[in-house]
């Protein structure tokens, strides 16, 4: 894993949350329809690489240069990783920590 790319925050109302984070100084990075019929809302602070996504659930997305090698290494350590999901935005693979927190690998 190279870096924390996106922190997904569970929000009840994406537009109200967007307005709140804009007031905090965040900028809109992406607001577009996603593959599930929802709106993907991604925001970031100026000059930073890590962003937040206002979503229906919580999770942390980690950037990786080689998702297949990363999955192989994690499975070698006994960590269960879901299948690779290929999308127009890259490849994603989800896993959970011991407390059920959702983590995701992302390769552009």
N, C-alpha and C. Protein backbone atom coordinates (compact mmCIF):
# COMPACT_ATOMS: atom_id res chain seq x y z
N UNK A 1 0.85 -1.17 0.00
CA UNK A 1 0.00 0.00 0.00
C UNK A 1 0.89 1.24 0.00
N UNK A 2 0.58 2.16 -0.92
CA UNK A 2 1.40 3.35 -1.04
C UNK A 2 0.93 4.48 -0.13
N UNK A 3 -0.38 4.70 -0.07
CA UNK A 3 -0.91 5.80 0.73
C UNK A 3 -2.41 5.64 0.94
N UNK A 4 -2.92 6.39 1.93
CA UNK A 4 -4.37 6.47 2.10
C UNK A 4 -4.85 7.42 1.02
N UNK A 5 -5.73 6.92 0.16
CA UNK A 5 -6.21 7.72 -0.96
C UNK A 5 -7.53 8.42 -0.63
N UNK A 6 -8.50 7.64 -0.12
CA UNK A 6 -9.83 8.18 0.15
C UNK A 6 -10.35 7.63 1.48
N UNK A 7 -10.87 8.50 2.30
CA UNK A 7 -11.56 8.09 3.53
C UNK A 7 -13.05 8.27 3.27
N UNK A 8 -13.78 7.16 3.32
CA UNK A 8 -15.21 7.20 3.05
C UNK A 8 -15.96 7.46 4.36
N UNK A 9 -16.76 8.51 4.36
CA UNK A 9 -17.53 8.88 5.53
C UNK A 9 -19.00 8.59 5.28
N UNK A 10 -19.64 7.88 6.20
CA UNK A 10 -21.08 7.60 6.08
C UNK A 10 -21.84 8.86 6.46
N UNK A 11 -22.71 9.33 5.55
CA UNK A 11 -23.51 10.52 5.79
C UNK A 11 -24.96 10.23 5.48
N UNK A 12 -25.86 10.91 6.18
CA UNK A 12 -27.30 10.72 5.96
C UNK A 12 -27.77 11.47 4.72
N UNK A 13 -27.22 12.65 4.47
CA UNK A 13 -27.63 13.47 3.33
C UNK A 13 -26.38 14.02 2.66
N UNK A 14 -26.08 13.53 1.47
CA UNK A 14 -24.83 13.89 0.80
C UNK A 14 -24.75 15.39 0.48
N UNK A 15 -25.85 15.99 0.08
CA UNK A 15 -25.81 17.41 -0.28
C UNK A 15 -25.59 18.29 0.96
N UNK A 16 -26.24 17.96 2.07
CA UNK A 16 -26.02 18.72 3.31
C UNK A 16 -24.58 18.54 3.78
N UNK A 17 -24.08 17.31 3.68
CA UNK A 17 -22.70 17.04 4.09
C UNK A 17 -21.73 17.80 3.19
N UNK A 18 -22.02 17.82 1.89
CA UNK A 18 -21.16 18.56 0.95
C UNK A 18 -21.10 20.03 1.35
N UNK A 19 -22.24 20.63 1.64
CA UNK A 19 -22.28 22.04 2.05
C UNK A 19 -21.45 22.27 3.32
N UNK A 20 -21.55 21.34 4.28
CA UNK A 20 -20.79 21.45 5.53
C UNK A 20 -19.28 21.43 5.25
N UNK A 21 -18.83 20.45 4.45
CA UNK A 21 -17.40 20.34 4.18
C UNK A 21 -16.88 21.49 3.32
N UNK A 22 -17.72 22.04 2.45
CA UNK A 22 -17.32 23.23 1.70
C UNK A 22 -17.07 24.39 2.67
N UNK A 23 -17.92 24.52 3.69
CA UNK A 23 -17.73 25.57 4.71
C UNK A 23 -16.45 25.35 5.50
N UNK A 24 -16.04 24.08 5.65
CA UNK A 24 -14.80 23.78 6.37
C UNK A 24 -13.55 24.07 5.53
N UNK A 25 -13.73 24.35 4.25
CA UNK A 25 -12.60 24.64 3.39
C UNK A 25 -12.25 23.56 2.39
N UNK A 26 -13.05 22.49 2.35
CA UNK A 26 -12.83 21.44 1.35
C UNK A 26 -13.27 21.94 -0.02
N UNK A 27 -12.72 21.34 -1.06
CA UNK A 27 -13.11 21.62 -2.44
C UNK A 27 -13.71 20.36 -3.04
N UNK A 28 -14.63 20.55 -3.97
CA UNK A 28 -15.23 19.43 -4.66
C UNK A 28 -14.23 18.86 -5.67
N UNK A 29 -13.94 17.56 -5.56
CA UNK A 29 -13.02 16.89 -6.50
C UNK A 29 -13.83 16.22 -7.60
N UNK A 30 -14.85 15.45 -7.20
CA UNK A 30 -15.71 14.74 -8.15
C UNK A 30 -17.13 14.69 -7.60
N UNK A 31 -18.10 14.96 -8.46
CA UNK A 31 -19.51 14.72 -8.15
C UNK A 31 -20.11 14.14 -9.42
N UNK A 32 -20.35 12.84 -9.41
CA UNK A 32 -20.80 12.16 -10.63
C UNK A 32 -21.61 10.92 -10.27
N UNK A 33 -22.47 10.46 -11.18
CA UNK A 33 -23.21 9.22 -10.96
C UNK A 33 -22.22 8.05 -10.83
N UNK A 34 -22.52 7.12 -9.93
CA UNK A 34 -21.67 5.94 -9.81
C UNK A 34 -22.38 4.73 -10.42
N UNK A 35 -21.73 3.59 -10.38
CA UNK A 35 -22.25 2.38 -11.01
C UNK A 35 -23.49 1.82 -10.31
N UNK A 36 -23.78 2.29 -9.09
CA UNK A 36 -24.89 1.75 -8.32
C UNK A 36 -26.11 2.67 -8.32
N UNK A 37 -26.13 3.66 -9.21
CA UNK A 37 -27.26 4.57 -9.29
C UNK A 37 -27.23 5.67 -8.24
N UNK A 38 -26.16 5.78 -7.52
CA UNK A 38 -25.99 6.81 -6.50
C UNK A 38 -25.12 7.93 -7.08
N UNK A 39 -24.76 8.89 -6.25
CA UNK A 39 -23.83 9.95 -6.64
C UNK A 39 -22.54 9.76 -5.87
N UNK A 40 -21.42 9.72 -6.59
CA UNK A 40 -20.09 9.66 -5.96
C UNK A 40 -19.70 11.11 -5.69
N UNK A 41 -19.48 11.43 -4.42
CA UNK A 41 -19.09 12.76 -4.00
C UNK A 41 -17.75 12.68 -3.31
N UNK A 42 -16.73 13.27 -3.90
CA UNK A 42 -15.37 13.21 -3.37
C UNK A 42 -14.86 14.64 -3.19
N UNK A 43 -14.28 14.91 -2.02
CA UNK A 43 -13.83 16.25 -1.68
C UNK A 43 -12.43 16.18 -1.09
N UNK A 44 -11.70 17.29 -1.18
CA UNK A 44 -10.37 17.32 -0.61
C UNK A 44 -9.98 18.72 -0.16
N UNK A 45 -9.03 18.77 0.71
CA UNK A 45 -8.47 20.05 1.13
C UNK A 45 -7.44 20.48 0.09
N UNK A 46 -7.39 21.76 -0.22
CA UNK A 46 -6.43 22.24 -1.22
C UNK A 46 -4.99 21.83 -0.86
N UNK A 47 -4.27 21.34 -1.87
CA UNK A 47 -2.87 21.00 -1.69
C UNK A 47 -2.59 19.66 -1.03
N UNK A 48 -3.64 18.84 -0.83
CA UNK A 48 -3.45 17.53 -0.21
C UNK A 48 -3.83 16.42 -1.19
N UNK A 49 -3.30 15.22 -0.97
CA UNK A 49 -3.60 14.09 -1.84
C UNK A 49 -4.72 13.21 -1.31
N UNK A 50 -4.87 13.13 0.01
CA UNK A 50 -5.92 12.30 0.59
C UNK A 50 -7.24 13.05 0.52
N UNK A 51 -8.29 12.36 0.08
CA UNK A 51 -9.61 12.99 -0.03
C UNK A 51 -10.62 12.23 0.82
N UNK A 52 -11.82 12.81 0.91
CA UNK A 52 -12.93 12.13 1.58
C UNK A 52 -14.01 11.87 0.54
N UNK A 53 -14.78 10.82 0.76
CA UNK A 53 -15.95 10.53 -0.05
C UNK A 53 -17.15 10.53 0.88
N UNK A 54 -18.18 11.25 0.50
CA UNK A 54 -19.41 11.28 1.28
C UNK A 54 -20.27 10.15 0.74
N UNK A 55 -20.48 9.11 1.57
CA UNK A 55 -21.02 7.85 1.07
C UNK A 55 -22.11 7.31 2.00
N UNK A 56 -22.57 6.11 1.65
CA UNK A 56 -23.58 5.42 2.45
C UNK A 56 -22.95 4.54 3.52
N UNK A 57 -21.64 4.34 3.47
CA UNK A 57 -20.96 3.50 4.45
C UNK A 57 -19.54 4.02 4.64
N UNK A 58 -18.89 3.53 5.68
CA UNK A 58 -17.53 3.96 5.99
C UNK A 58 -16.51 3.00 5.38
N UNK A 59 -15.35 3.53 5.08
CA UNK A 59 -14.27 2.70 4.58
C UNK A 59 -13.04 3.54 4.30
N UNK A 60 -11.92 2.89 4.12
CA UNK A 60 -10.68 3.57 3.78
C UNK A 60 -10.13 2.91 2.51
N UNK A 61 -9.81 3.73 1.51
CA UNK A 61 -9.28 3.23 0.25
C UNK A 61 -7.79 3.55 0.19
N UNK A 62 -7.00 2.51 -0.03
CA UNK A 62 -5.55 2.63 -0.10
C UNK A 62 -5.09 2.49 -1.54
N UNK A 63 -4.23 3.38 -1.97
CA UNK A 63 -3.66 3.29 -3.31
C UNK A 63 -2.56 2.23 -3.34
N UNK A 64 -2.54 1.46 -4.40
CA UNK A 64 -1.49 0.46 -4.59
C UNK A 64 -1.05 0.48 -6.05
N UNK A 65 0.21 0.18 -6.27
CA UNK A 65 0.74 0.17 -7.63
C UNK A 65 0.45 -1.14 -8.35
N UNK A 66 0.32 -2.24 -7.58
CA UNK A 66 0.10 -3.56 -8.18
C UNK A 66 -0.88 -4.32 -7.30
N UNK A 67 -2.16 -4.22 -7.63
CA UNK A 67 -3.20 -4.80 -6.79
C UNK A 67 -3.09 -6.32 -6.67
N UNK A 68 -2.72 -6.98 -7.76
CA UNK A 68 -2.60 -8.44 -7.71
C UNK A 68 -1.47 -8.88 -6.78
N UNK A 69 -0.33 -8.21 -6.84
CA UNK A 69 0.79 -8.53 -5.95
C UNK A 69 0.42 -8.23 -4.50
N UNK A 70 -0.29 -7.12 -4.28
CA UNK A 70 -0.71 -6.74 -2.93
C UNK A 70 -1.65 -7.79 -2.35
N UNK A 71 -2.61 -8.24 -3.15
CA UNK A 71 -3.55 -9.26 -2.69
C UNK A 71 -2.82 -10.56 -2.38
N UNK A 72 -1.92 -10.95 -3.24
CA UNK A 72 -1.15 -12.18 -3.03
C UNK A 72 -0.36 -12.10 -1.72
N UNK A 73 0.25 -10.95 -1.47
CA UNK A 73 1.02 -10.77 -0.22
C UNK A 73 0.11 -10.84 1.00
N UNK A 74 -1.05 -10.18 0.92
CA UNK A 74 -1.97 -10.19 2.05
C UNK A 74 -2.52 -11.59 2.31
N UNK A 75 -2.89 -12.30 1.23
CA UNK A 75 -3.39 -13.66 1.40
C UNK A 75 -2.32 -14.57 1.99
N UNK A 76 -1.05 -14.33 1.63
CA UNK A 76 0.06 -15.08 2.21
C UNK A 76 0.19 -14.87 3.71
N UNK A 77 -0.33 -13.75 4.18
CA UNK A 77 -0.32 -13.43 5.61
C UNK A 77 -1.61 -13.87 6.30
N UNK A 78 -2.48 -14.57 5.56
CA UNK A 78 -3.72 -15.07 6.13
C UNK A 78 -4.86 -14.06 6.15
N UNK A 79 -4.75 -13.00 5.35
CA UNK A 79 -5.79 -11.97 5.30
C UNK A 79 -6.69 -12.24 4.09
N UNK A 80 -7.99 -12.34 4.34
CA UNK A 80 -8.96 -12.62 3.28
C UNK A 80 -9.27 -11.33 2.52
N UNK A 81 -9.10 -11.36 1.22
CA UNK A 81 -9.37 -10.21 0.35
C UNK A 81 -10.38 -10.65 -0.70
N UNK A 82 -11.37 -9.81 -0.95
CA UNK A 82 -12.39 -10.12 -1.95
C UNK A 82 -11.83 -10.05 -3.36
N UNK A 83 -12.66 -10.37 -4.33
CA UNK A 83 -12.21 -10.38 -5.73
C UNK A 83 -11.92 -8.96 -6.23
N UNK A 84 -11.14 -8.88 -7.28
CA UNK A 84 -10.85 -7.59 -7.91
C UNK A 84 -12.05 -7.17 -8.75
N UNK A 85 -12.50 -5.96 -8.51
CA UNK A 85 -13.60 -5.37 -9.28
C UNK A 85 -12.99 -4.34 -10.23
N UNK A 86 -13.11 -4.59 -11.54
CA UNK A 86 -12.54 -3.67 -12.53
C UNK A 86 -13.61 -2.67 -12.96
N UNK A 87 -13.29 -1.38 -12.86
CA UNK A 87 -14.21 -0.31 -13.21
C UNK A 87 -13.48 0.70 -14.10
N UNK A 88 -14.21 1.65 -14.66
CA UNK A 88 -13.54 2.72 -15.43
C UNK A 88 -12.60 3.57 -14.56
N UNK A 89 -12.76 3.51 -13.24
CA UNK A 89 -11.96 4.31 -12.31
C UNK A 89 -10.79 3.52 -11.74
N UNK A 90 -10.59 2.31 -12.22
CA UNK A 90 -9.49 1.48 -11.74
C UNK A 90 -9.98 0.15 -11.20
N UNK A 91 -9.06 -0.56 -10.56
CA UNK A 91 -9.37 -1.86 -9.98
C UNK A 91 -9.47 -1.72 -8.46
N UNK A 92 -10.46 -2.38 -7.88
CA UNK A 92 -10.71 -2.31 -6.44
C UNK A 92 -10.83 -3.71 -5.86
N UNK A 93 -10.35 -3.90 -4.63
CA UNK A 93 -10.53 -5.16 -3.90
C UNK A 93 -10.75 -4.80 -2.43
N UNK A 94 -11.83 -5.32 -1.87
CA UNK A 94 -12.23 -4.98 -0.49
C UNK A 94 -11.81 -6.07 0.50
N UNK A 95 -11.53 -5.64 1.71
CA UNK A 95 -11.26 -6.54 2.82
C UNK A 95 -11.75 -5.88 4.10
N UNK A 96 -11.80 -6.64 5.17
CA UNK A 96 -12.23 -6.10 6.47
C UNK A 96 -11.16 -6.40 7.51
N UNK A 97 -11.03 -5.47 8.47
CA UNK A 97 -10.11 -5.73 9.57
C UNK A 97 -10.84 -6.61 10.61
N UNK A 98 -10.19 -6.88 11.72
CA UNK A 98 -10.75 -7.79 12.72
C UNK A 98 -12.04 -7.26 13.36
N UNK A 99 -12.26 -5.94 13.28
CA UNK A 99 -13.46 -5.34 13.86
C UNK A 99 -14.54 -5.04 12.82
N UNK A 100 -14.34 -5.49 11.59
CA UNK A 100 -15.32 -5.30 10.54
C UNK A 100 -15.21 -4.00 9.78
N UNK A 101 -14.17 -3.21 10.05
CA UNK A 101 -13.97 -1.97 9.29
C UNK A 101 -13.60 -2.32 7.85
N UNK A 102 -14.21 -1.62 6.91
CA UNK A 102 -13.98 -1.91 5.49
C UNK A 102 -12.76 -1.16 4.97
N UNK A 103 -11.88 -1.91 4.33
CA UNK A 103 -10.68 -1.37 3.71
C UNK A 103 -10.69 -1.77 2.25
N UNK A 104 -10.07 -0.97 1.42
CA UNK A 104 -10.11 -1.25 -0.02
C UNK A 104 -8.76 -0.93 -0.65
N UNK A 105 -8.32 -1.81 -1.52
CA UNK A 105 -7.13 -1.57 -2.33
C UNK A 105 -7.60 -0.98 -3.65
N UNK A 106 -6.87 0.01 -4.16
CA UNK A 106 -7.23 0.63 -5.43
C UNK A 106 -6.00 0.83 -6.29
N UNK A 107 -6.07 0.31 -7.50
CA UNK A 107 -5.01 0.52 -8.49
C UNK A 107 -5.61 1.30 -9.64
N UNK A 108 -5.01 2.42 -9.98
CA UNK A 108 -5.50 3.26 -11.10
C UNK A 108 -5.30 2.56 -12.42
